[in-house]
Amino acid sequence: MVIAFITGILLGFVFFGGLYFSVNRMADMKHPAVFMLASLIVRMAILLVGLYLIRGDSFYNIPLALLGIILARTYLTWRVKRKES
């Protein structure tokens, strides 16, 4: 169960870190809409495959992983806001 939580944190960092990276790079792209769509597809694929692999044989793994994802999002949001001010 702890592994599911830690994996959720890592998946959250990959997903939301990738979003932050994509938004920052969007201005440099020739076709930003295509870039953002591709970024979304890749980030969602990684997240969904990770959640699929985490689920295992215990129902409690998914909520713990989602809690880890939310924790990672909260941390990254706090860090970005702190960086901007």
PDB file of N, CA and C in Angstrom:
ATOM      1  N   MET A   1       0.818  -1.187   0.000  1.00  0.00           N
ATOM      2  CA  MET A   1       0.000   0.000   0.000  1.00  0.00           C
ATOM      3  C   MET A   1       0.866   1.256   0.000  1.00  0.00           C
ATOM      4  N   VAL A   2       1.982   1.214   0.686  1.00  0.00           N
ATOM      5  CA  VAL A   2       2.891   2.359   0.683  1.00  0.00           C
ATOM      6  C   VAL A   2       3.478   2.546  -0.709  1.00  0.00           C
ATOM      7  N   ILE A   3       3.730   1.433  -1.380  1.00  0.00           N
ATOM      8  CA  ILE A   3       4.281   1.510  -2.741  1.00  0.00           C
ATOM      9  C   ILE A   3       3.285   2.192  -3.671  1.00  0.00           C
ATOM     10  N   ALA A   4       2.011   1.921  -3.511  1.00  0.00           N
ATOM     11  CA  ALA A   4       0.989   2.569  -4.345  1.00  0.00           C
ATOM     12  C   ALA A   4       0.978   4.077  -4.106  1.00  0.00           C
ATOM     13  N   PHE A   5       1.108   4.488  -2.862  1.00  0.00           N
ATOM     14  CA  PHE A   5       1.117   5.913  -2.527  1.00  0.00           C
ATOM     15  C   PHE A   5       2.345   6.600  -3.125  1.00  0.00           C
ATOM     16  N   ILE A   6       3.500   5.999  -2.964  1.00  0.00           N
ATOM     17  CA  ILE A   6       4.740   6.581  -3.502  1.00  0.00           C
ATOM     18  C   ILE A   6       4.703   6.603  -5.025  1.00  0.00           C
ATOM     19  N   THR A   7       4.186   5.554  -5.633  1.00  0.00           N
ATOM     20  CA  THR A   7       4.061   5.528  -7.086  1.00  0.00           C
ATOM     21  C   THR A   7       3.086   6.600  -7.558  1.00  0.00           C
ATOM     22  N   GLY A   8       2.025   6.832  -6.815  1.00  0.00           N
ATOM     23  CA  GLY A   8       1.084   7.902  -7.139  1.00  0.00           C
ATOM     24  C   GLY A   8       1.754   9.266  -7.098  1.00  0.00           C
ATOM     25  N   ILE A   9       2.605   9.479  -6.098  1.00  0.00           N
ATOM     26  CA  ILE A   9       3.355  10.741  -6.034  1.00  0.00           C
ATOM     27  C   ILE A   9       4.236  10.892  -7.271  1.00  0.00           C
ATOM     28  N   LEU A  10       4.931   9.827  -7.642  1.00  0.00           N
ATOM     29  CA  LEU A  10       5.794   9.887  -8.828  1.00  0.00           C
ATOM     30  C   LEU A  10       4.985  10.134 -10.098  1.00  0.00           C
ATOM     31  N   LEU A  11       3.846   9.471 -10.218  1.00  0.00           N
ATOM     32  CA  LEU A  11       2.992   9.693 -11.389  1.00  0.00           C
ATOM     33  C   LEU A  11       2.482  11.132 -11.422  1.00  0.00           C
ATOM     34  N   GLY A  12       2.153  11.670 -10.259  1.00  0.00           N
ATOM     35  CA  GLY A  12       1.711  13.059 -10.182  1.00  0.00           C
ATOM     36  C   GLY A  12       2.799  14.025 -10.612  1.00  0.00           C
ATOM     37  N   PHE A  13       4.033  13.770 -10.168  1.00  0.00           N
ATOM     38  CA  PHE A  13       5.146  14.622 -10.582  1.00  0.00           C
ATOM     39  C   PHE A  13       5.377  14.542 -12.084  1.00  0.00           C
ATOM     40  N   VAL A  14       5.263  13.345 -12.648  1.00  0.00           N
ATOM     41  CA  VAL A  14       5.438  13.197 -14.094  1.00  0.00           C
ATOM     42  C   VAL A  14       4.322  13.926 -14.835  1.00  0.00           C
ATOM     43  N   PHE A  15       3.079  13.743 -14.398  1.00  0.00           N
ATOM     44  CA  PHE A  15       1.947  14.351 -15.091  1.00  0.00           C
ATOM     45  C   PHE A  15       1.978  15.871 -14.994  1.00  0.00           C
ATOM     46  N   PHE A  16       2.031  16.388 -13.783  1.00  0.00           N
ATOM     47  CA  PHE A  16       1.949  17.839 -13.609  1.00  0.00           C
ATOM     48  C   PHE A  16       3.269  18.537 -13.927  1.00  0.00           C
ATOM     49  N   GLY A  17       4.384  17.857 -13.729  1.00  0.00           N
ATOM     50  CA  GLY A  17       5.661  18.400 -14.174  1.00  0.00           C
ATOM     51  C   GLY A  17       5.718  18.490 -15.684  1.00  0.00           C
ATOM     52  N   GLY A  18       5.173  17.476 -16.349  1.00  0.00           N
ATOM     53  CA  GLY A  18       5.087  17.513 -17.805  1.00  0.00           C
ATOM     54  C   GLY A  18       4.175  18.623 -18.295  1.00  0.00           C
ATOM     55  N   LEU A  19       3.101  18.867 -17.568  1.00  0.00           N
ATOM     56  CA  LEU A  19       2.203  19.962 -17.921  1.00  0.00           C
ATOM     57  C   LEU A  19       2.921  21.307 -17.787  1.00  0.00           C
ATOM     58  N   TYR A  20       3.645  21.486 -16.699  1.00  0.00           N
ATOM     59  CA  TYR A  20       4.395  22.723 -16.484  1.00  0.00           C
ATOM     60  C   TYR A  20       5.431  22.922 -17.593  1.00  0.00           C
ATOM     61  N   PHE A  21       6.142  21.858 -17.923  1.00  0.00           N
ATOM     62  CA  PHE A  21       7.130  21.913 -19.001  1.00  0.00           C
ATOM     63  C   PHE A  21       6.464  22.269 -20.327  1.00  0.00           C
ATOM     64  N   SER A  22       5.344  21.642 -20.618  1.00  0.00           N
ATOM     65  CA  SER A  22       4.647  21.881 -21.884  1.00  0.00           C
ATOM     66  C   SER A  22       4.156  23.316 -22.007  1.00  0.00           C
ATOM     67  N   VAL A  23       3.595  23.842 -20.939  1.00  0.00           N
ATOM     68  CA  VAL A  23       3.091  25.214 -20.963  1.00  0.00           C
ATOM     69  C   VAL A  23       4.239  26.201 -21.160  1.00  0.00           C
ATOM     70  N   ASN A  24       5.370  25.948 -20.503  1.00  0.00           N
ATOM     71  CA  ASN A  24       6.518  26.837 -20.667  1.00  0.00           C
ATOM     72  C   ASN A  24       7.124  26.769 -22.062  1.00  0.00           C
ATOM     73  N   ARG A  25       7.071  25.631 -22.693  1.00  0.00           N
ATOM     74  CA  ARG A  25       7.655  25.464 -24.029  1.00  0.00           C
ATOM     75  C   ARG A  25       6.694  25.836 -25.155  1.00  0.00           C
ATOM     76  N   MET A  26       5.431  26.001 -24.840  1.00  0.00           N
ATOM     77  CA  MET A  26       4.411  26.221 -25.862  1.00  0.00           C
ATOM     78  C   MET A  26       4.693  27.453 -26.706  1.00  0.00           C
ATOM     79  N   ALA A  27       5.220  28.513 -26.132  1.00  0.00           N
ATOM     80  CA  ALA A  27       5.470  29.750 -26.875  1.00  0.00           C
ATOM     81  C   ALA A  27       6.547  29.561 -27.938  1.00  0.00           C
ATOM     82  N   ASP A  28       7.437  28.605 -27.754  1.00  0.00           N
ATOM     83  CA  ASP A  28       8.524  28.373 -28.706  1.00  0.00           C
ATOM     84  C   ASP A  28       8.124  27.455 -29.857  1.00  0.00           C
ATOM     85  N   MET A  29       6.959  26.858 -29.790  1.00  0.00           N
ATOM     86  CA  MET A  29       6.546  25.873 -30.782  1.00  0.00           C
ATOM     87  C   MET A  29       5.923  26.535 -32.009  1.00  0.00           C
ATOM     88  N   LYS A  30       6.133  25.884 -33.140  1.00  0.00           N
ATOM     89  CA  LYS A  30       5.536  26.364 -34.384  1.00  0.00           C
ATOM     90  C   LYS A  30       4.034  26.097 -34.398  1.00  0.00           C
ATOM     91  N   HIS A  31       3.641  24.948 -33.876  1.00  0.00           N
ATOM     92  CA  HIS A  31       2.228  24.559 -33.794  1.00  0.00           C
ATOM     93  C   HIS A  31       1.916  24.206 -32.331  1.00  0.00           C
ATOM     94  N   PRO A  32       1.616  25.202 -31.509  1.00  0.00           N
ATOM     95  CA  PRO A  32       1.433  24.933 -30.076  1.00  0.00           C
ATOM     96  C   PRO A  32       0.249  24.028 -29.754  1.00  0.00           C
ATOM     97  N   ALA A  33      -0.815  24.088 -30.543  1.00  0.00           N
ATOM     98  CA  ALA A  33      -1.980  23.244 -30.256  1.00  0.00           C
ATOM     99  C   ALA A  33      -1.638  21.771 -30.445  1.00  0.00           C
ATOM    100  N   VAL A  34      -0.902  21.467 -31.490  1.00  0.00           N
ATOM    101  CA  VAL A  34      -0.503  20.080 -31.741  1.00  0.00           C
ATOM    102  C   VAL A  34       0.441  19.607 -30.633  1.00  0.00           C
ATOM    103  N   PHE A  35       1.342  20.483 -30.236  1.00  0.00           N
ATOM    104  CA  PHE A  35       2.275  20.152 -29.156  1.00  0.00           C
ATOM    105  C   PHE A  35       1.529  19.862 -27.859  1.00  0.00           C
ATOM    106  N   MET A  36       0.560  20.694 -27.513  1.00  0.00           N
ATOM    107  CA  MET A  36      -0.189  20.483 -26.274  1.00  0.00           C
ATOM    108  C   MET A  36      -1.040  19.211 -26.339  1.00  0.00           C
ATOM    109  N   LEU A  37      -1.611  18.930 -27.488  1.00  0.00           N
ATOM    110  CA  LEU A  37      -2.395  17.706 -27.640  1.00  0.00           C
ATOM    111  C   LEU A  37      -1.500  16.472 -27.499  1.00  0.00           C
ATOM    112  N   ALA A  38      -0.341  16.511 -28.133  1.00  0.00           N
ATOM    113  CA  ALA A  38       0.592  15.392 -28.010  1.00  0.00           C
ATOM    114  C   ALA A  38       1.063  15.234 -26.567  1.00  0.00           C
ATOM    115  N   SER A  39       1.315  16.352 -25.899  1.00  0.00           N
ATOM    116  CA  SER A  39       1.725  16.310 -24.498  1.00  0.00           C
ATOM    117  C   SER A  39       0.629  15.693 -23.635  1.00  0.00           C
ATOM    118  N   LEU A  40      -0.606  16.085 -23.875  1.00  0.00           N
ATOM    119  CA  LEU A  40      -1.727  15.538 -23.119  1.00  0.00           C
ATOM    120  C   LEU A  40      -1.845  14.029 -23.323  1.00  0.00           C
ATOM    121  N   ILE A  41      -1.726  13.589 -24.562  1.00  0.00           N
ATOM    122  CA  ILE A  41      -1.858  12.158 -24.856  1.00  0.00           C
ATOM    123  C   ILE A  41      -0.756  11.362 -24.170  1.00  0.00           C
ATOM    124  N   VAL A  42       0.474  11.860 -24.236  1.00  0.00           N
ATOM    125  CA  VAL A  42       1.592  11.149 -23.605  1.00  0.00           C
ATOM    126  C   VAL A  42       1.437  11.131 -22.087  1.00  0.00           C
ATOM    127  N   ARG A  43       1.087  12.285 -21.490  1.00  0.00           N
ATOM    128  CA  ARG A  43       0.933  12.347 -20.038  1.00  0.00           C
ATOM    129  C   ARG A  43      -0.204  11.449 -19.563  1.00  0.00           C
ATOM    130  N   MET A  44      -1.328  11.454 -20.281  1.00  0.00           N
ATOM    131  CA  MET A  44      -2.454  10.605 -19.891  1.00  0.00           C
ATOM    132  C   MET A  44      -2.119   9.123 -20.052  1.00  0.00           C
ATOM    133  N   ALA A  45      -1.387   8.783 -21.110  1.00  0.00           N
ATOM    134  CA  ALA A  45      -1.005   7.385 -21.313  1.00  0.00           C
ATOM    135  C   ALA A  45      -0.122   6.897 -20.166  1.00  0.00           C
ATOM    136  N   ILE A  46       0.853   7.712 -19.785  1.00  0.00           N
ATOM    137  CA  ILE A  46       1.735   7.335 -18.674  1.00  0.00           C
ATOM    138  C   ILE A  46       0.928   7.181 -17.390  1.00  0.00           C
ATOM    139  N   LEU A  47       0.042   8.119 -17.128  1.00  0.00           N
ATOM    140  CA  LEU A  47      -0.764   8.088 -15.907  1.00  0.00           C
ATOM    141  C   LEU A  47      -1.681   6.864 -15.876  1.00  0.00           C
ATOM    142  N   LEU A  48      -2.371   6.606 -16.967  1.00  0.00           N
ATOM    143  CA  LEU A  48      -3.315   5.483 -16.989  1.00  0.00           C
ATOM    144  C   LEU A  48      -2.618   4.134 -16.924  1.00  0.00           C
ATOM    145  N   VAL A  49      -1.496   3.996 -17.615  1.00  0.00           N
ATOM    146  CA  VAL A  49      -0.748   2.739 -17.530  1.00  0.00           C
ATOM    147  C   VAL A  49      -0.209   2.542 -16.116  1.00  0.00           C
ATOM    148  N   GLY A  50       0.274   3.623 -15.518  1.00  0.00           N
ATOM    149  CA  GLY A  50       0.754   3.526 -14.141  1.00  0.00           C
ATOM    150  C   GLY A  50      -0.342   3.114 -13.181  1.00  0.00           C
ATOM    151  N   LEU A  51      -1.516   3.713 -13.301  1.00  0.00           N
ATOM    152  CA  LEU A  51      -2.636   3.341 -12.427  1.00  0.00           C
ATOM    153  C   LEU A  51      -3.089   1.909 -12.683  1.00  0.00           C
ATOM    154  N   TYR A  52      -3.054   1.484 -13.933  1.00  0.00           N
ATOM    155  CA  TYR A  52      -3.426   0.112 -14.259  1.00  0.00           C
ATOM    156  C   TYR A  52      -2.464  -0.876 -13.596  1.00  0.00           C
ATOM    157  N   LEU A  53      -1.181  -0.551 -13.648  1.00  0.00           N
ATOM    158  CA  LEU A  53      -0.190  -1.443 -13.057  1.00  0.00           C
ATOM    159  C   LEU A  53      -0.237  -1.421 -11.524  1.00  0.00           C
ATOM    160  N   ILE A  54      -0.600  -0.297 -10.953  1.00  0.00           N
ATOM    161  CA  ILE A  54      -0.666  -0.171  -9.494  1.00  0.00           C
ATOM    162  C   ILE A  54      -1.830  -0.962  -8.917  1.00  0.00           C
ATOM    163  N   ARG A  55      -2.929  -1.027  -9.637  1.00  0.00           N
ATOM    164  CA  ARG A  55      -4.161  -1.569  -9.059  1.00  0.00           C
ATOM    165  C   ARG A  55      -3.975  -2.941  -8.450  1.00  0.00           C
ATOM    166  N   GLY A  56      -3.174  -3.797  -9.055  1.00  0.00           N
ATOM    167  CA  GLY A  56      -2.869  -5.105  -8.478  1.00  0.00           C
ATOM    168  C   GLY A  56      -4.097  -5.854  -8.025  1.00  0.00           C
ATOM    169  N   ASP A  57      -4.001  -6.479  -6.874  1.00  0.00           N
ATOM    170  CA  ASP A  57      -5.124  -7.277  -6.372  1.00  0.00           C
ATOM    171  C   ASP A  57      -5.843  -6.612  -5.207  1.00  0.00           C
ATOM    172  N   SER A  58      -5.460  -5.393  -4.867  1.00  0.00           N
ATOM    173  CA  SER A  58      -6.083  -4.699  -3.752  1.00  0.00           C
ATOM    174  C   SER A  58      -6.823  -3.466  -4.250  1.00  0.00           C
ATOM    175  N   PHE A  59      -8.053  -3.304  -3.795  1.00  0.00           N
ATOM    176  CA  PHE A  59      -8.852  -2.149  -4.186  1.00  0.00           C
ATOM    177  C   PHE A  59      -8.253  -0.852  -3.645  1.00  0.00           C
ATOM    178  N   TYR A  60      -7.600  -0.913  -2.509  1.00  0.00           N
ATOM    179  CA  TYR A  60      -7.108   0.288  -1.833  1.00  0.00           C
ATOM    180  C   TYR A  60      -5.906   0.924  -2.522  1.00  0.00           C
ATOM    181  N   ASN A  61      -5.315   0.250  -3.474  1.00  0.00           N
ATOM    182  CA  ASN A  61      -4.158   0.814  -4.157  1.00  0.00           C
ATOM    183  C   ASN A  61      -4.521   2.037  -4.999  1.00  0.00           C
ATOM    184  N   ILE A  62      -5.662   2.009  -5.662  1.00  0.00           N
ATOM    185  CA  ILE A  62      -6.052   3.133  -6.525  1.00  0.00           C
ATOM    186  C   ILE A  62      -6.319   4.402  -5.713  1.00  0.00           C
ATOM    187  N   PRO A  63      -7.129   4.369  -4.655  1.00  0.00           N
ATOM    188  CA  PRO A  63      -7.315   5.605  -3.879  1.00  0.00           C
ATOM    189  C   PRO A  63      -6.017   6.142  -3.268  1.00  0.00           C
ATOM    190  N   LEU A  64      -5.132   5.249  -2.847  1.00  0.00           N
ATOM    191  CA  LEU A  64      -3.851   5.707  -2.306  1.00  0.00           C
ATOM    192  C   LEU A  64      -2.997   6.355  -3.387  1.00  0.00           C
ATOM    193  N   ALA A  65      -3.008   5.786  -4.577  1.00  0.00           N
ATOM    194  CA  ALA A  65      -2.263   6.380  -5.683  1.00  0.00           C
ATOM    195  C   ALA A  65      -2.854   7.742  -6.061  1.00  0.00           C
ATOM    196  N   LEU A  66      -4.163   7.838  -6.081  1.00  0.00           N
ATOM    197  CA  LEU A  66      -4.804   9.121  -6.387  1.00  0.00           C
ATOM    198  C   LEU A  66      -4.487  10.165  -5.321  1.00  0.00           C
ATOM    199  N   LEU A  67      -4.424   9.741  -4.077  1.00  0.00           N
ATOM    200  CA  LEU A  67      -4.028  10.655  -3.010  1.00  0.00           C
ATOM    201  C   LEU A  67      -2.594  11.155  -3.227  1.00  0.00           C
ATOM    202  N   GLY A  68      -1.717  10.265  -3.657  1.00  0.00           N
ATOM    203  CA  GLY A  68      -0.346  10.661  -3.975  1.00  0.00           C
ATOM    204  C   GLY A  68      -0.288  11.637  -5.135  1.00  0.00           C
ATOM    205  N   ILE A  69      -1.127  11.431  -6.145  1.00  0.00           N
ATOM    206  CA  ILE A  69      -1.178  12.342  -7.294  1.00  0.00           C
ATOM    207  C   ILE A  69      -1.645  13.722  -6.850  1.00  0.00           C
ATOM    208  N   ILE A  70      -2.663  13.760  -6.007  1.00  0.00           N
ATOM    209  CA  ILE A  70      -3.164  15.043  -5.505  1.00  0.00           C
ATOM    210  C   ILE A  70      -2.105  15.740  -4.654  1.00  0.00           C
ATOM    211  N   LEU A  71      -1.384  14.976  -3.855  1.00  0.00           N
ATOM    212  CA  LEU A  71      -0.309  15.554  -3.047  1.00  0.00           C
ATOM    213  C   LEU A  71       0.782  16.156  -3.938  1.00  0.00           C
ATOM    214  N   ALA A  72       1.158  15.456  -4.998  1.00  0.00           N
ATOM    215  CA  ALA A  72       2.165  15.973  -5.927  1.00  0.00           C
ATOM    216  C   ALA A  72       1.665  17.244  -6.606  1.00  0.00           C
ATOM    217  N   ARG A  73       0.399  17.260  -6.993  1.00  0.00           N
ATOM    218  CA  ARG A  73      -0.165  18.464  -7.625  1.00  0.00           C
ATOM    219  C   ARG A  73      -0.147  19.646  -6.658  1.00  0.00           C
ATOM    220  N   THR A  74      -0.515  19.394  -5.420  1.00  0.00           N
ATOM    221  CA  THR A  74      -0.519  20.459  -4.413  1.00  0.00           C
ATOM    222  C   THR A  74       0.895  21.006  -4.205  1.00  0.00           C
ATOM    223  N   TYR A  75       1.867  20.132  -4.109  1.00  0.00           N
ATOM    224  CA  TYR A  75       3.246  20.563  -3.919  1.00  0.00           C
ATOM    225  C   TYR A  75       3.745  21.366  -5.122  1.00  0.00           C
ATOM    226  N   LEU A  76       3.506  20.871  -6.321  1.00  0.00           N
ATOM    227  CA  LEU A  76       3.989  21.580  -7.511  1.00  0.00           C
ATOM    228  C   LEU A  76       3.295  22.928  -7.679  1.00  0.00           C
ATOM    229  N   THR A  77       2.017  23.003  -7.345  1.00  0.00           N
ATOM    230  CA  THR A  77       1.301  24.279  -7.411  1.00  0.00           C
ATOM    231  C   THR A  77       1.904  25.272  -6.419  1.00  0.00           C
ATOM    232  N   TRP A  78       2.175  24.812  -5.206  1.00  0.00           N
ATOM    233  CA  TRP A  78       2.794  25.665  -4.195  1.00  0.00           C
ATOM    234  C   TRP A  78       4.166  26.136  -4.654  1.00  0.00           C
ATOM    235  N   ARG A  79       4.930  25.239  -5.237  1.00  0.00           N
ATOM    236  CA  ARG A  79       6.295  25.576  -5.676  1.00  0.00           C
ATOM    237  C   ARG A  79       6.285  26.597  -6.811  1.00  0.00           C
ATOM    238  N   VAL A  80       5.378  26.435  -7.771  1.00  0.00           N
ATOM    239  CA  VAL A  80       5.305  27.369  -8.899  1.00  0.00           C
ATOM    240  C   VAL A  80       4.852  28.751  -8.409  1.00  0.00           C
ATOM    241  N   LYS A  81       3.868  28.780  -7.522  1.00  0.00           N
ATOM    242  CA  LYS A  81       3.405  30.074  -6.990  1.00  0.00           C
ATOM    243  C   LYS A  81       4.513  30.774  -6.211  1.00  0.00           C
ATOM    244  N   ARG A  82       5.280  30.007  -5.450  1.00  0.00           N
ATOM    245  CA  ARG A  82       6.383  30.571  -4.685  1.00  0.00           C
ATOM    246  C   ARG A  82       7.478  31.095  -5.612  1.00  0.00           C
ATOM    247  N   LYS A  83       7.702  30.393  -6.699  1.00  0.00           N
ATOM    248  CA  LYS A  83       8.727  30.788  -7.666  1.00  0.00           C
ATOM    249  C   LYS A  83       8.354  32.089  -8.374  1.00  0.00           C
ATOM    250  N   GLU A  84       7.063  32.275  -8.644  1.00  0.00           N
ATOM    251  CA  GLU A  84       6.612  33.468  -9.364  1.00  0.00           C
ATOM    252  C   GLU A  84       6.643  34.719  -8.501  1.00  0.00           C
ATOM    253  N   SER A  85       6.499  34.579  -7.201  1.00  0.00           N
ATOM    254  CA  SER A  85       6.461  35.781  -6.359  1.00  0.00           C
ATOM    255  C   SER A  85       7.818  36.128  -5.761  1.00  0.00           C
TER     256      SER A  85
END
